[in-house]
Amino acid sequence: MNRGLLAVGAAALLVLAGCNDSQPTPDPKVAFCDSLRTLASSVQDLRALGAGNTIEEIQSGASSVKDAADAVKEAAGSLAGAQVDDIEAAADDLRAAVDDISSDSTVIEAVQTLVPQFLALRTSINDVGELNCGAVLLEAEASAAVEQAGAQASAIAEAAATLKAEIEAVGPDAQASPAS
């Protein structure tokens, strides 16, 4: 009986340790940096198009870049006003250049004509580096890990206290008796 009680208690500790589903409220800087990463990825995806793609895929990619730039502006709030305006302007320039692509252009020709817009957009994304997104994201991950570890430690301590109380309630005779 004693081993069964201990096994149940140990299982309860493990379950409680894994049950922390609470998510901290996202930091606005983290949301902004995440949106910048998404924008940079969208630009890279568009830049990677080549001969195996179509003009329609370039147009779709440019729309994705514009949507991602809009998300950066929304996430930025008051974090990076002028810099976000530069991103928005560069995304608008890219979209306009895509709209100006001749229907008889090859995809390679179309992508090559967009290189200045790609560079301008990439530069505007990099200029927002003043916010040091790498450090912001690392700090947010560390804070979340510390918070989760604290919650798990609290749950484990609570389960251990409950288990101890249950063992003590059984009495000293049950604790010392061998299992059959």
N, C-alpha and C. Protein backbone atom coordinates (compact mmCIF):
# COMPACT_ATOMS: atom_id res chain seq x y z
N MET A 1 0.82 -1.20 0.00
CA MET A 1 0.00 0.00 0.00
C MET A 1 0.86 1.25 0.00
N ASN A 2 1.93 1.23 0.77
CA ASN A 2 2.80 2.37 0.87
C ASN A 2 3.43 2.70 -0.48
N ARG A 3 3.89 1.69 -1.20
CA ARG A 3 4.49 1.92 -2.53
C ARG A 3 3.46 2.46 -3.51
N GLY A 4 2.24 1.97 -3.43
CA GLY A 4 1.18 2.46 -4.30
C GLY A 4 0.90 3.93 -4.07
N LEU A 5 0.88 4.34 -2.79
CA LEU A 5 0.64 5.73 -2.44
C LEU A 5 1.78 6.60 -2.95
N LEU A 6 3.00 6.13 -2.78
CA LEU A 6 4.14 6.88 -3.27
C LEU A 6 4.14 6.98 -4.79
N ALA A 7 3.76 5.91 -5.47
CA ALA A 7 3.70 5.93 -6.94
C ALA A 7 2.67 6.93 -7.42
N VAL A 8 1.51 6.96 -6.76
CA VAL A 8 0.46 7.92 -7.12
C VAL A 8 0.95 9.34 -6.88
N GLY A 9 1.62 9.54 -5.76
CA GLY A 9 2.15 10.87 -5.44
C GLY A 9 3.19 11.31 -6.45
N ALA A 10 4.09 10.40 -6.81
CA ALA A 10 5.12 10.73 -7.80
C ALA A 10 4.49 11.06 -9.15
N ALA A 11 3.48 10.31 -9.52
CA ALA A 11 2.78 10.58 -10.79
C ALA A 11 2.12 11.96 -10.74
N ALA A 12 1.54 12.28 -9.59
CA ALA A 12 0.90 13.60 -9.45
C ALA A 12 1.93 14.71 -9.59
N LEU A 13 3.13 14.52 -9.02
CA LEU A 13 4.19 15.52 -9.17
C LEU A 13 4.56 15.74 -10.63
N LEU A 14 4.70 14.66 -11.36
CA LEU A 14 5.06 14.76 -12.77
C LEU A 14 3.97 15.45 -13.59
N VAL A 15 2.72 15.11 -13.30
CA VAL A 15 1.61 15.73 -14.03
C VAL A 15 1.56 17.21 -13.74
N LEU A 16 1.68 17.58 -12.47
CA LEU A 16 1.62 19.00 -12.11
C LEU A 16 2.79 19.77 -12.70
N ALA A 17 3.95 19.15 -12.77
CA ALA A 17 5.11 19.82 -13.33
C ALA A 17 4.91 20.16 -14.80
N GLY A 18 4.16 19.36 -15.52
CA GLY A 18 3.94 19.60 -16.94
C GLY A 18 2.69 20.36 -17.28
N CYS A 19 1.96 20.83 -16.30
CA CYS A 19 0.65 21.42 -16.56
C CYS A 19 0.65 22.93 -16.59
N ASN A 20 1.74 23.57 -16.78
CA ASN A 20 1.76 25.02 -16.80
C ASN A 20 1.49 25.50 -18.22
N ASP A 21 0.25 25.87 -18.50
CA ASP A 21 -0.13 26.32 -19.84
C ASP A 21 -0.24 27.84 -19.94
N SER A 22 0.04 28.55 -18.85
CA SER A 22 -0.13 29.99 -18.88
C SER A 22 0.94 30.61 -19.77
N GLN A 23 0.54 31.55 -20.58
CA GLN A 23 1.44 32.25 -21.47
C GLN A 23 1.52 33.70 -21.01
N PRO A 24 2.73 34.24 -20.90
CA PRO A 24 2.84 35.63 -20.50
C PRO A 24 2.31 36.55 -21.60
N THR A 25 1.88 37.72 -21.20
CA THR A 25 1.40 38.72 -22.16
C THR A 25 2.57 39.13 -23.03
N PRO A 26 2.39 39.11 -24.36
CA PRO A 26 3.52 39.44 -25.23
C PRO A 26 3.98 40.88 -25.03
N ASP A 27 5.28 41.05 -25.03
CA ASP A 27 5.90 42.36 -24.94
C ASP A 27 5.73 43.04 -26.30
N PRO A 28 5.33 44.31 -26.35
CA PRO A 28 5.16 44.98 -27.65
C PRO A 28 6.45 44.99 -28.47
N LYS A 29 7.61 45.07 -27.81
CA LYS A 29 8.88 45.04 -28.55
C LYS A 29 9.07 43.68 -29.21
N VAL A 30 8.67 42.63 -28.52
CA VAL A 30 8.81 41.28 -29.08
C VAL A 30 7.90 41.13 -30.29
N ALA A 31 6.66 41.59 -30.16
CA ALA A 31 5.71 41.51 -31.28
C ALA A 31 6.25 42.30 -32.48
N PHE A 32 6.83 43.46 -32.22
CA PHE A 32 7.39 44.27 -33.28
C PHE A 32 8.56 43.55 -33.95
N CYS A 33 9.46 43.00 -33.15
CA CYS A 33 10.62 42.29 -33.71
C CYS A 33 10.18 41.05 -34.48
N ASP A 34 9.16 40.36 -33.98
CA ASP A 34 8.63 39.20 -34.72
C ASP A 34 8.08 39.63 -36.07
N SER A 35 7.39 40.78 -36.10
CA SER A 35 6.83 41.26 -37.36
C SER A 35 7.95 41.65 -38.33
N LEU A 36 9.05 42.19 -37.81
CA LEU A 36 10.19 42.51 -38.67
C LEU A 36 10.80 41.24 -39.26
N ARG A 37 10.88 40.20 -38.46
CA ARG A 37 11.43 38.92 -38.93
C ARG A 37 10.53 38.35 -40.03
N THR A 38 9.22 38.45 -39.86
CA THR A 38 8.29 37.97 -40.87
C THR A 38 8.43 38.77 -42.16
N LEU A 39 8.59 40.07 -42.03
CA LEU A 39 8.78 40.92 -43.22
C LEU A 39 10.07 40.54 -43.93
N ALA A 40 11.15 40.39 -43.19
CA ALA A 40 12.43 40.02 -43.82
C ALA A 40 12.31 38.68 -44.54
N SER A 41 11.59 37.75 -43.94
CA SER A 41 11.38 36.45 -44.56
C SER A 41 10.56 36.58 -45.85
N SER A 42 9.53 37.43 -45.83
CA SER A 42 8.71 37.65 -47.02
C SER A 42 9.53 38.24 -48.16
N VAL A 43 10.41 39.19 -47.81
CA VAL A 43 11.28 39.80 -48.82
C VAL A 43 12.21 38.73 -49.40
N GLN A 44 12.78 37.91 -48.52
CA GLN A 44 13.69 36.85 -48.98
C GLN A 44 12.96 35.86 -49.89
N ASP A 45 11.73 35.50 -49.53
CA ASP A 45 10.95 34.58 -50.36
C ASP A 45 10.70 35.17 -51.74
N LEU A 46 10.37 36.44 -51.79
CA LEU A 46 10.13 37.10 -53.07
C LEU A 46 11.43 37.19 -53.87
N ARG A 47 12.49 37.52 -53.20
CA ARG A 47 13.79 37.65 -53.86
C ARG A 47 14.27 36.31 -54.44
N ALA A 48 13.85 35.21 -53.84
CA ALA A 48 14.29 33.88 -54.26
C ALA A 48 13.56 33.37 -55.49
N LEU A 49 12.54 34.08 -55.95
CA LEU A 49 11.81 33.61 -57.14
C LEU A 49 12.72 33.66 -58.35
N GLY A 50 12.50 32.73 -59.23
CA GLY A 50 13.36 32.65 -60.41
C GLY A 50 12.62 32.12 -61.62
N ALA A 51 13.36 31.54 -62.53
CA ALA A 51 12.83 31.11 -63.82
C ALA A 51 11.68 30.11 -63.69
N GLY A 52 11.64 29.35 -62.63
CA GLY A 52 10.57 28.37 -62.46
C GLY A 52 9.28 28.96 -61.92
N ASN A 53 9.26 30.28 -61.71
CA ASN A 53 8.08 30.93 -61.17
C ASN A 53 7.39 31.78 -62.24
N THR A 54 6.27 32.37 -61.86
CA THR A 54 5.49 33.19 -62.80
C THR A 54 5.43 34.63 -62.32
N ILE A 55 5.03 35.50 -63.21
CA ILE A 55 4.82 36.91 -62.86
C ILE A 55 3.73 37.00 -61.78
N GLU A 56 2.72 36.15 -61.87
CA GLU A 56 1.66 36.16 -60.86
C GLU A 56 2.22 35.82 -59.48
N GLU A 57 3.20 34.93 -59.43
CA GLU A 57 3.83 34.60 -58.14
C GLU A 57 4.64 35.79 -57.61
N ILE A 58 5.24 36.55 -58.50
CA ILE A 58 5.93 37.77 -58.08
C ILE A 58 4.91 38.75 -57.51
N GLN A 59 3.79 38.90 -58.19
CA GLN A 59 2.75 39.81 -57.71
C GLN A 59 2.21 39.36 -56.35
N SER A 60 2.01 38.08 -56.21
CA SER A 60 1.53 37.53 -54.94
C SER A 60 2.57 37.74 -53.83
N GLY A 61 3.83 37.52 -54.17
CA GLY A 61 4.91 37.74 -53.20
C GLY A 61 5.00 39.19 -52.78
N ALA A 62 4.81 40.10 -53.73
CA ALA A 62 4.84 41.52 -53.41
C ALA A 62 3.68 41.89 -52.50
N SER A 63 2.53 41.27 -52.71
CA SER A 63 1.39 41.50 -51.82
C SER A 63 1.69 41.00 -50.41
N SER A 64 2.38 39.86 -50.32
CA SER A 64 2.76 39.33 -49.01
C SER A 64 3.74 40.27 -48.30
N VAL A 65 4.67 40.83 -49.06
CA VAL A 65 5.61 41.79 -48.49
C VAL A 65 4.86 43.02 -47.99
N LYS A 66 3.93 43.51 -48.79
CA LYS A 66 3.16 44.69 -48.38
C LYS A 66 2.35 44.39 -47.12
N ASP A 67 1.72 43.22 -47.05
CA ASP A 67 0.96 42.84 -45.86
C ASP A 67 1.86 42.75 -44.64
N ALA A 68 3.06 42.18 -44.83
CA ALA A 68 4.00 42.06 -43.72
C ALA A 68 4.49 43.44 -43.27
N ALA A 69 4.69 44.36 -44.23
CA ALA A 69 5.10 45.72 -43.87
C ALA A 69 3.99 46.42 -43.09
N ASP A 70 2.74 46.19 -43.49
CA ASP A 70 1.61 46.76 -42.75
C ASP A 70 1.56 46.21 -41.33
N ALA A 71 1.89 44.93 -41.18
CA ALA A 71 1.90 44.31 -39.85
C ALA A 71 3.01 44.92 -38.98
N VAL A 72 4.15 45.25 -39.60
CA VAL A 72 5.23 45.91 -38.87
C VAL A 72 4.74 47.26 -38.36
N LYS A 73 4.09 48.00 -39.22
CA LYS A 73 3.60 49.33 -38.82
C LYS A 73 2.60 49.20 -37.67
N GLU A 74 1.72 48.22 -37.76
CA GLU A 74 0.73 48.01 -36.71
C GLU A 74 1.39 47.60 -35.40
N ALA A 75 2.37 46.71 -35.47
CA ALA A 75 3.04 46.23 -34.26
C ALA A 75 3.95 47.30 -33.65
N ALA A 76 4.44 48.21 -34.47
CA ALA A 76 5.41 49.19 -34.00
C ALA A 76 4.82 50.17 -33.00
N GLY A 77 3.56 50.55 -33.22
CA GLY A 77 3.00 51.57 -32.34
C GLY A 77 3.91 52.78 -32.35
N SER A 78 4.40 53.15 -31.17
CA SER A 78 5.29 54.31 -31.07
C SER A 78 6.76 53.90 -30.94
N LEU A 79 7.07 52.65 -31.22
CA LEU A 79 8.44 52.17 -31.02
C LEU A 79 9.44 52.70 -32.03
N ALA A 80 9.05 52.88 -33.27
CA ALA A 80 10.02 53.25 -34.30
C ALA A 80 9.35 54.02 -35.43
N GLY A 81 8.74 55.12 -35.11
CA GLY A 81 7.95 55.90 -36.07
C GLY A 81 8.55 56.12 -37.43
N ALA A 82 9.63 56.93 -37.52
CA ALA A 82 10.20 57.28 -38.83
C ALA A 82 10.76 56.05 -39.53
N GLN A 83 11.36 55.15 -38.78
CA GLN A 83 11.93 53.96 -39.39
C GLN A 83 10.85 53.08 -39.99
N VAL A 84 9.72 52.99 -39.33
CA VAL A 84 8.62 52.19 -39.86
C VAL A 84 8.04 52.88 -41.09
N ASP A 85 8.03 54.20 -41.11
CA ASP A 85 7.58 54.92 -42.30
C ASP A 85 8.49 54.59 -43.49
N ASP A 86 9.80 54.46 -43.23
CA ASP A 86 10.74 54.09 -44.29
C ASP A 86 10.45 52.68 -44.82
N ILE A 87 10.12 51.76 -43.92
CA ILE A 87 9.77 50.40 -44.34
C ILE A 87 8.52 50.44 -45.20
N GLU A 88 7.53 51.19 -44.74
CA GLU A 88 6.28 51.27 -45.49
C GLU A 88 6.51 51.88 -46.87
N ALA A 89 7.31 52.92 -46.95
CA ALA A 89 7.59 53.56 -48.24
C ALA A 89 8.34 52.59 -49.17
N ALA A 90 9.31 51.86 -48.62
CA ALA A 90 10.07 50.91 -49.44
C ALA A 90 9.16 49.78 -49.93
N ALA A 91 8.24 49.32 -49.09
CA ALA A 91 7.29 48.28 -49.50
C ALA A 91 6.35 48.81 -50.58
N ASP A 92 5.93 50.06 -50.42
CA ASP A 92 5.07 50.67 -51.45
C ASP A 92 5.83 50.80 -52.78
N ASP A 93 7.10 51.19 -52.71
CA ASP A 93 7.92 51.30 -53.92
C ASP A 93 8.06 49.94 -54.60
N LEU A 94 8.27 48.90 -53.79
CA LEU A 94 8.37 47.55 -54.35
C LEU A 94 7.07 47.16 -55.04
N ARG A 95 5.97 47.42 -54.37
CA ARG A 95 4.66 47.07 -54.94
C ARG A 95 4.43 47.82 -56.26
N ALA A 96 4.79 49.10 -56.28
CA ALA A 96 4.63 49.90 -57.51
C ALA A 96 5.52 49.36 -58.63
N ALA A 97 6.75 48.98 -58.28
CA ALA A 97 7.67 48.42 -59.29
C ALA A 97 7.13 47.10 -59.83
N VAL A 98 6.53 46.30 -58.99
CA VAL A 98 5.93 45.04 -59.44
C VAL A 98 4.76 45.33 -60.37
N ASP A 99 3.98 46.32 -60.02
CA ASP A 99 2.83 46.68 -60.88
C ASP A 99 3.29 47.17 -62.25
N ASP A 100 4.50 47.73 -62.30
CA ASP A 100 5.03 48.27 -63.56
C ASP A 100 5.73 47.21 -64.42
N ILE A 101 5.83 45.98 -63.94
CA ILE A 101 6.49 44.93 -64.71
C ILE A 101 5.68 44.66 -65.98
N SER A 102 6.39 44.65 -67.08
CA SER A 102 5.75 44.41 -68.37
C SER A 102 5.27 42.96 -68.44
N SER A 103 4.13 42.77 -69.08
CA SER A 103 3.57 41.42 -69.19
C SER A 103 4.43 40.50 -70.06
N ASP A 104 5.30 41.07 -70.90
CA ASP A 104 6.16 40.23 -71.72
C ASP A 104 7.53 40.01 -71.10
N SER A 105 7.74 40.47 -69.85
CA SER A 105 9.00 40.24 -69.14
C SER A 105 9.08 38.80 -68.67
N THR A 106 10.30 38.29 -68.67
CA THR A 106 10.50 36.98 -68.05
C THR A 106 10.59 37.21 -66.54
N VAL A 107 10.45 36.13 -65.80
CA VAL A 107 10.54 36.25 -64.35
C VAL A 107 11.93 36.72 -63.94
N ILE A 108 12.94 36.22 -64.60
CA ILE A 108 14.31 36.63 -64.29
C ILE A 108 14.47 38.14 -64.52
N GLU A 109 13.98 38.62 -65.66
CA GLU A 109 14.05 40.06 -65.94
C GLU A 109 13.27 40.85 -64.89
N ALA A 110 12.11 40.34 -64.53
CA ALA A 110 11.27 41.04 -63.55
C ALA A 110 11.97 41.12 -62.20
N VAL A 111 12.53 40.01 -61.76
CA VAL A 111 13.21 40.00 -60.46
C VAL A 111 14.42 40.92 -60.50
N GLN A 112 15.15 40.93 -61.61
CA GLN A 112 16.34 41.79 -61.72
C GLN A 112 15.95 43.27 -61.67
N THR A 113 14.80 43.62 -62.23
CA THR A 113 14.40 45.03 -62.18
C THR A 113 13.98 45.44 -60.77
N LEU A 114 13.70 44.46 -59.92
CA LEU A 114 13.27 44.76 -58.54
C LEU A 114 14.41 44.84 -57.54
N VAL A 115 15.63 44.58 -57.98
CA VAL A 115 16.77 44.56 -57.06
C VAL A 115 16.90 45.87 -56.27
N PRO A 116 16.79 47.05 -56.89
CA PRO A 116 16.90 48.28 -56.09
C PRO A 116 15.82 48.37 -54.98
N GLN A 117 14.63 47.91 -55.28
CA GLN A 117 13.56 47.94 -54.28
C GLN A 117 13.84 46.92 -53.16
N PHE A 118 14.35 45.74 -53.54
CA PHE A 118 14.73 44.76 -52.53
C PHE A 118 15.78 45.34 -51.58
N LEU A 119 16.79 45.99 -52.17
CA LEU A 119 17.86 46.56 -51.36
C LEU A 119 17.34 47.68 -50.45
N ALA A 120 16.49 48.52 -50.98
CA ALA A 120 15.93 49.61 -50.18
C ALA A 120 15.10 49.06 -49.02
N LEU A 121 14.32 48.05 -49.29
CA LEU A 121 13.49 47.45 -48.25
C LEU A 121 14.36 46.77 -47.21
N ARG A 122 15.36 46.03 -47.66
CA ARG A 122 16.27 45.35 -46.73
C ARG A 122 17.00 46.36 -45.85
N THR A 123 17.44 47.47 -46.45
CA THR A 123 18.13 48.52 -45.69
C THR A 123 17.20 49.12 -44.65
N SER A 124 15.96 49.38 -45.03
CA SER A 124 15.01 49.97 -44.07
C SER A 124 14.70 49.01 -42.93
N ILE A 125 14.66 47.71 -43.22
CA ILE A 125 14.46 46.72 -42.15
C ILE A 125 15.67 46.72 -41.22
N ASN A 126 16.86 46.74 -41.79
CA ASN A 126 18.08 46.73 -40.98
C ASN A 126 18.23 47.99 -40.14
N ASP A 127 17.76 49.12 -40.66
CA ASP A 127 17.86 50.37 -39.92
C ASP A 127 17.08 50.34 -38.61
N VAL A 128 16.09 49.51 -38.55
CA VAL A 128 15.30 49.40 -37.32
C VAL A 128 16.10 48.64 -36.27
N GLY A 129 17.28 48.18 -36.62
CA GLY A 129 18.14 47.48 -35.68
C GLY A 129 18.49 48.30 -34.45
N GLU A 130 18.22 49.61 -34.48
CA GLU A 130 18.44 50.43 -33.29
C GLU A 130 17.66 49.89 -32.10
N LEU A 131 16.60 49.19 -32.37
CA LEU A 131 15.82 48.61 -31.27
C LEU A 131 16.45 47.33 -30.75
N ASN A 132 17.50 46.85 -31.45
CA ASN A 132 18.23 45.66 -31.04
C ASN A 132 17.30 44.48 -30.81
N CYS A 133 16.63 44.07 -31.86
CA CYS A 133 15.65 43.00 -31.77
C CYS A 133 16.25 41.69 -31.28
N GLY A 134 17.48 41.42 -31.62
CA GLY A 134 18.10 40.18 -31.14
C GLY A 134 18.08 40.12 -29.62
N ALA A 135 18.48 41.21 -28.97
CA ALA A 135 18.50 41.24 -27.51
C ALA A 135 17.09 41.22 -26.95
N VAL A 136 16.17 41.89 -27.59
CA VAL A 136 14.78 41.91 -27.12
C VAL A 136 14.19 40.50 -27.13
N LEU A 137 14.39 39.78 -28.23
CA LEU A 137 13.84 38.43 -28.34
C LEU A 137 14.51 37.48 -27.36
N LEU A 138 15.82 37.59 -27.19
CA LEU A 138 16.53 36.73 -26.24
C LEU A 138 16.06 37.00 -24.82
N GLU A 139 15.89 38.26 -24.47
CA GLU A 139 15.41 38.62 -23.13
C GLU A 139 14.00 38.08 -22.90
N ALA A 140 13.15 38.18 -23.89
CA ALA A 140 11.77 37.68 -23.75
C ALA A 140 11.77 36.16 -23.55
N GLU A 141 12.60 35.44 -24.31
CA GLU A 141 12.66 33.99 -24.16
C GLU A 141 13.19 33.61 -22.78
N ALA A 142 14.19 34.33 -22.30
CA ALA A 142 14.75 34.04 -20.97
C ALA A 142 13.70 34.31 -19.89
N SER A 143 12.98 35.42 -20.00
CA SER A 143 11.95 35.74 -19.02
C SER A 143 10.85 34.68 -19.01
N ALA A 144 10.44 34.23 -20.18
CA ALA A 144 9.40 33.20 -20.26
C ALA A 144 9.88 31.90 -19.63
N ALA A 145 11.14 31.55 -19.87
CA ALA A 145 11.69 30.31 -19.29
C ALA A 145 11.76 30.40 -17.78
N VAL A 146 12.18 31.55 -17.26
CA VAL A 146 12.25 31.73 -15.80
C VAL A 146 10.85 31.67 -15.20
N GLU A 147 9.90 32.32 -15.85
CA GLU A 147 8.52 32.31 -15.35
C GLU A 147 7.95 30.89 -15.35
N GLN A 148 8.20 30.15 -16.42
CA GLN A 148 7.70 28.78 -16.51
C GLN A 148 8.36 27.90 -15.45
N ALA A 149 9.66 28.05 -15.26
CA ALA A 149 10.37 27.25 -14.25
C ALA A 149 9.84 27.56 -12.86
N GLY A 150 9.56 28.83 -12.57
CA GLY A 150 9.01 29.20 -11.27
C GLY A 150 7.64 28.59 -11.05
N ALA A 151 6.81 28.61 -12.07
CA ALA A 151 5.47 28.03 -11.95
C ALA A 151 5.56 26.52 -11.75
N GLN A 152 6.47 25.88 -12.47
CA GLN A 152 6.63 24.43 -12.31
C GLN A 152 7.17 24.10 -10.92
N ALA A 153 8.10 24.89 -10.43
CA ALA A 153 8.64 24.64 -9.09
C ALA A 153 7.54 24.80 -8.04
N SER A 154 6.70 25.80 -8.20
CA SER A 154 5.58 26.00 -7.26
C SER A 154 4.63 24.81 -7.30
N ALA A 155 4.33 24.33 -8.50
CA ALA A 155 3.42 23.18 -8.63
C ALA A 155 4.03 21.93 -8.01
N ILE A 156 5.31 21.75 -8.20
CA ILE A 156 5.99 20.58 -7.62
C ILE A 156 6.01 20.68 -6.10
N ALA A 157 6.32 21.85 -5.56
CA ALA A 157 6.33 22.04 -4.10
C ALA A 157 4.95 21.79 -3.51
N GLU A 158 3.92 22.27 -4.19
CA GLU A 158 2.55 22.06 -3.71
C GLU A 158 2.19 20.58 -3.73
N ALA A 159 2.55 19.89 -4.80
CA ALA A 159 2.26 18.46 -4.89
C ALA A 159 3.05 17.68 -3.84
N ALA A 160 4.31 18.08 -3.60
CA ALA A 160 5.12 17.40 -2.59
C ALA A 160 4.51 17.59 -1.20
N ALA A 161 4.04 18.80 -0.92
CA ALA A 161 3.42 19.05 0.38
C ALA A 161 2.15 18.22 0.55
N THR A 162 1.37 18.11 -0.53
CA THR A 162 0.16 17.29 -0.48
C THR A 162 0.51 15.83 -0.28
N LEU A 163 1.51 15.35 -0.96
CA LEU A 163 1.95 13.97 -0.83
C LEU A 163 2.45 13.70 0.59
N LYS A 164 3.22 14.62 1.13
CA LYS A 164 3.73 14.47 2.50
C LYS A 164 2.58 14.40 3.49
N ALA A 165 1.59 15.27 3.30
CA ALA A 165 0.43 15.26 4.20
C ALA A 165 -0.33 13.94 4.10
N GLU A 166 -0.45 13.41 2.89
CA GLU A 166 -1.15 12.13 2.71
C GLU A 166 -0.38 10.98 3.36
N ILE A 167 0.95 11.01 3.25
CA ILE A 167 1.77 9.97 3.86
C ILE A 167 1.67 10.06 5.39
N GLU A 168 1.73 11.28 5.91
CA GLU A 168 1.62 11.45 7.35
C GLU A 168 0.24 11.03 7.86
N ALA A 169 -0.79 11.22 7.04
CA ALA A 169 -2.14 10.83 7.44
C ALA A 169 -2.27 9.32 7.54
N VAL A 170 -1.50 8.59 6.76
CA VAL A 170 -1.55 7.13 6.80
C VAL A 170 -1.00 6.64 8.14
N GLY A 171 -0.03 7.34 8.70
CA GLY A 171 0.51 6.99 10.00
C GLY A 171 1.85 6.31 9.90
N PRO A 172 2.61 6.31 11.00
CA PRO A 172 3.96 5.74 11.00
C PRO A 172 3.96 4.23 10.82
N ASP A 173 2.94 3.54 11.23
CA ASP A 173 2.92 2.10 11.05
C ASP A 173 2.84 1.72 9.58
N ALA A 174 2.04 2.44 8.80
CA ALA A 174 1.89 2.14 7.38
C ALA A 174 3.16 2.50 6.61
N GLN A 175 3.84 3.55 7.06
CA GLN A 175 5.07 3.97 6.38
C GLN A 175 6.18 2.93 6.53
N ALA A 176 6.24 2.29 7.69
CA ALA A 176 7.32 1.35 7.95
C ALA A 176 7.01 -0.06 7.51
N SER A 177 5.77 -0.37 7.21
CA SER A 177 5.42 -1.74 6.86
C SER A 177 5.91 -2.08 5.47
N PRO A 178 6.50 -3.28 5.30
CA PRO A 178 6.97 -3.68 3.97
C PRO A 178 5.81 -4.02 3.06
N ALA A 179 6.04 -3.82 1.78
CA ALA A 179 5.00 -4.17 0.80
C ALA A 179 4.98 -5.66 0.60
N SER A 180 3.79 -6.19 0.33
CA SER A 180 3.71 -7.63 0.13
C SER A 180 3.66 -7.98 -1.32
